[in-house]
């Protein structure tokens, strides 16, 4: 048996593949063994005495089927788990995600003018204190806070108007009393002069 190790190495280099992919025609061993340069190897490749084997297929169909099943919630019971709950999905990561979502929303609302800087600051600290479970809870809280603020403003305006009205009424009454006093004093002085 002739040693064709060199020819195989040269063929792999010429065809740009690994040596295990090189097929040398067993019926043409004598001709292949004479080839000692890359140029002659190229000629043998053109003639079909040396062939590059096709890549072996490695099907992913079973992997895809399993991945689809896992997406649907199969094969994920306690028996399939190796790490702890916190190792599989760290609570720190979940917290960071949640907080970043809430903070992004607050920044956006402040930029749009939906909330003022005072409410932003208050809600920022409430978010940090784990008050809101998710985005929707924060939005609902913002709506309630704004409604409460508007109600307080309306009540304050009403109270101010009422206060101004009573003050004006008091002043008018005082004025009337003063006018009556002045009239009485005027009558008394007129009577004294007579």
Protein backbone atom coordinates (compact mmCIF):
# COMPACT_ATOMS: atom_id res chain seq x y z
CA UNK A 1 0.00 0.00 0.00
CA UNK A 2 1.42 3.33 -1.11
CA UNK A 3 1.58 6.16 1.45
CA UNK A 4 -0.50 9.11 0.07
CA UNK A 5 -0.30 11.31 3.16
CA UNK A 6 1.56 14.14 1.36
CA UNK A 7 -0.89 14.09 -1.57
CA UNK A 8 -3.80 14.25 0.83
CA UNK A 9 -2.24 17.23 2.67
CA UNK A 10 -1.60 19.10 -0.59
CA UNK A 11 -5.10 18.32 -1.89
CA UNK A 12 -6.65 19.65 1.35
CA UNK A 13 -4.62 22.85 0.97
CA UNK A 14 -5.58 23.24 -2.72
CA UNK A 15 -9.31 22.59 -2.16
CA UNK A 16 -9.36 24.64 1.06
CA UNK A 17 -10.80 21.93 3.30
CA UNK A 18 -9.70 19.43 5.94
CA UNK A 19 -7.80 16.24 5.09
CA UNK A 20 -10.79 14.12 6.17
CA UNK A 21 -12.85 15.68 3.35
CA UNK A 22 -10.35 14.62 0.65
CA UNK A 23 -11.25 11.48 -1.37
CA UNK A 24 -8.49 9.86 -3.41
CA UNK A 25 -9.55 7.43 -6.14
CA UNK A 26 -8.30 3.98 -4.99
CA UNK A 27 -8.12 2.68 -8.58
CA UNK A 28 -5.71 5.48 -9.58
CA UNK A 29 -3.27 5.18 -6.66
CA UNK A 30 -0.18 4.93 -8.87
CA UNK A 31 -1.01 8.15 -10.75
CA UNK A 32 -1.87 10.03 -7.54
CA UNK A 33 1.37 8.86 -5.85
CA UNK A 34 3.38 10.50 -8.66
CA UNK A 35 1.81 13.89 -7.91
CA UNK A 36 4.27 15.80 -5.74
CA UNK A 37 3.31 19.44 -6.39
CA UNK A 38 0.25 21.58 -5.99
CA UNK A 39 0.02 22.08 -9.72
CA UNK A 40 -0.26 18.33 -10.43
CA UNK A 41 -2.75 17.99 -7.57
CA UNK A 42 -4.90 20.73 -9.17
CA UNK A 43 -4.83 18.77 -12.46
CA UNK A 44 -5.94 15.59 -10.65
CA UNK A 45 -8.78 17.55 -9.03
CA UNK A 46 -9.87 18.81 -12.47
CA UNK A 47 -9.71 15.26 -13.83
CA UNK A 48 -11.83 13.97 -10.94
CA UNK A 49 -9.23 11.64 -9.40
CA UNK A 50 -9.27 13.69 -6.22
CA UNK A 51 -12.67 14.85 -4.93
CA UNK A 52 -13.79 17.05 -2.04
CA UNK A 53 -16.39 15.09 -0.05
CA UNK A 54 -19.68 16.90 0.65
CA UNK A 55 -20.30 18.27 4.13
CA UNK A 56 -22.18 15.83 6.33
CA UNK A 57 -25.67 17.03 7.21
CA UNK A 58 -26.53 17.65 10.83
CA UNK A 59 -30.30 18.10 11.03
CA UNK A 60 -31.73 20.70 13.44
CA UNK A 61 -35.33 19.59 12.94
CA UNK A 62 -35.50 17.75 16.29
CA UNK A 63 -33.93 20.75 18.07
CA UNK A 64 -36.51 23.09 16.50
CA UNK A 65 -39.38 20.79 17.54
CA UNK A 66 -38.03 20.71 21.12
CA UNK A 67 -37.58 24.49 21.19
CA UNK A 68 -41.19 24.97 20.01
CA UNK A 69 -42.42 22.58 22.71
CA UNK A 70 -40.40 24.44 25.37
CA UNK A 71 -41.90 27.71 24.18
CA UNK A 72 -45.31 26.14 24.74
CA UNK A 73 -44.22 25.22 28.28
CA UNK A 74 -43.31 21.54 27.89
CA UNK A 75 -40.16 19.87 29.30
CA UNK A 76 -39.61 22.59 31.91
CA UNK A 77 -40.77 20.86 35.11
CA UNK A 78 -38.76 20.47 38.31
CA UNK A 79 -37.04 17.36 36.94
CA UNK A 80 -35.53 19.33 34.07
CA UNK A 81 -34.09 22.11 36.22
CA UNK A 82 -30.50 22.11 37.50
CA UNK A 83 -29.92 25.60 38.96
CA UNK A 84 -31.87 27.41 41.65
CA UNK A 85 -34.69 29.78 40.74
CA UNK A 86 -32.40 32.76 41.33
CA UNK A 87 -29.62 31.20 39.22
CA UNK A 88 -31.97 30.59 36.28
CA UNK A 89 -33.52 34.08 36.39
CA UNK A 90 -31.89 36.37 38.96
CA UNK A 91 -34.30 38.48 40.99
CA UNK A 92 -31.76 41.33 40.72
CA UNK A 93 -32.10 41.31 36.92
CA UNK A 94 -35.91 41.31 37.16
CA UNK A 95 -35.78 44.23 39.61
CA UNK A 96 -33.41 46.20 37.36
CA UNK A 97 -35.66 45.65 34.34
CA UNK A 98 -38.77 46.74 36.25
CA UNK A 99 -37.14 49.83 37.73
CA UNK A 100 -35.66 50.90 34.40
CA UNK A 101 -39.08 50.60 32.75
CA UNK A 102 -40.67 52.76 35.47
CA UNK A 103 -37.87 55.35 35.39
CA UNK A 104 -38.01 55.58 31.59
CA UNK A 105 -41.76 56.24 31.82
CA UNK A 106 -41.26 58.95 34.45
CA UNK A 107 -38.58 60.69 32.35
CA UNK A 108 -40.83 60.53 29.27
CA UNK A 109 -43.84 61.95 31.13
CA UNK A 110 -41.74 64.75 32.62
CA UNK A 111 -40.34 65.63 29.17
CA UNK A 112 -43.87 65.68 27.69
CA UNK A 113 -45.09 67.89 30.53
CA UNK A 114 -47.62 65.35 31.79
CA UNK A 115 -46.08 65.56 35.27
CA UNK A 116 -44.17 68.39 36.93
CA UNK A 117 -40.75 68.03 38.55
CA UNK A 118 -42.23 67.77 42.07
CA UNK A 119 -44.52 64.84 41.19
CA UNK A 120 -41.64 63.26 39.23
CA UNK A 121 -39.39 63.39 42.29
CA UNK A 122 -42.08 61.92 44.52
CA UNK A 123 -42.88 59.09 42.08
CA UNK A 124 -39.17 58.39 41.53
CA UNK A 125 -38.75 57.61 45.21
CA UNK A 126 -41.98 55.60 45.36
CA UNK A 127 -40.74 53.51 42.41
CA UNK A 128 -37.45 52.90 44.18
CA UNK A 129 -39.40 51.85 47.27
CA UNK A 130 -41.14 49.02 45.34
CA UNK A 131 -44.57 50.71 45.40
CA UNK A 132 -45.44 49.93 41.77
CA UNK A 133 -45.55 46.37 40.50
CA UNK A 134 -45.57 47.38 36.83
CA UNK A 135 -45.99 50.22 34.34
CA UNK A 136 -49.80 50.15 34.42
CA UNK A 137 -49.87 50.59 38.22
CA UNK A 138 -47.62 53.64 37.92
CA UNK A 139 -49.76 55.18 35.15
CA UNK A 140 -52.94 54.64 37.22
CA UNK A 141 -51.25 56.27 40.21
CA UNK A 142 -50.24 59.26 38.06
CA UNK A 143 -53.83 59.68 36.81
CA UNK A 144 -55.17 59.52 40.38
CA UNK A 145 -52.56 61.98 41.64
CA UNK A 146 -53.33 64.43 38.84
CA UNK A 147 -57.08 64.13 39.45
CA UNK A 148 -56.56 64.69 43.19
CA UNK A 149 -54.35 67.71 42.47
CA UNK A 150 -56.97 69.16 40.10
CA UNK A 151 -59.71 68.59 42.72
CA UNK A 152 -57.63 70.30 45.39
CA UNK A 153 -56.97 73.24 43.05
CA UNK A 154 -60.71 73.61 42.29
CA UNK A 155 -61.54 73.42 46.02
CA UNK A 156 -58.86 76.02 46.78
CA UNK A 157 -60.22 78.32 44.07
CA UNK A 158 -63.76 77.89 45.43
CA UNK A 159 -62.58 78.59 48.98
CA UNK A 160 -60.66 81.66 47.80
CA UNK A 161 -63.73 82.92 45.93
CA UNK A 162 -65.95 82.30 48.97
CA UNK A 163 -63.43 84.04 51.23
CA UNK A 164 -63.24 87.03 48.88
CA UNK A 165 -67.06 87.16 48.72
CA UNK A 166 -67.49 87.09 52.51
CA UNK A 167 -64.73 89.70 52.88
CA UNK A 168 -66.47 91.97 50.36
CA UNK A 169 -69.83 91.45 52.16
CA UNK A 170 -68.20 92.23 55.52
CA UNK A 171 -66.64 95.38 54.10
CA UNK A 172 -69.99 96.47 52.64
CA UNK A 173 -71.71 95.85 55.97
CA UNK A 174 -69.02 97.80 57.81
CA UNK A 175 -69.42 100.60 55.32
CA UNK A 176 -73.21 100.66 55.82
CA UNK A 177 -72.79 100.70 59.61
CA UNK A 178 -70.25 103.51 59.32
CA UNK A 179 -72.59 105.47 57.04
CA UNK A 180 -75.45 105.01 59.57
CA UNK A 181 -73.17 106.12 62.40
CA UNK A 182 -72.11 109.16 60.39
CA UNK A 183 -75.77 109.95 59.65
CA UNK A 184 -76.70 109.64 63.34
CA UNK A 185 -73.77 111.78 64.41
CA UNK A 186 -74.74 114.34 61.75
CA UNK A 187 -78.34 114.42 63.03
CA UNK A 188 -77.17 114.78 66.65
CA UNK A 189 -74.86 117.68 65.79
CA UNK A 190 -77.66 119.35 63.81
CA UNK A 191 -80.02 118.95 66.76
CA UNK A 192 -77.43 120.38 69.18
CA UNK A 193 -76.82 123.39 66.95
CA UNK A 194 -80.53 124.26 66.99
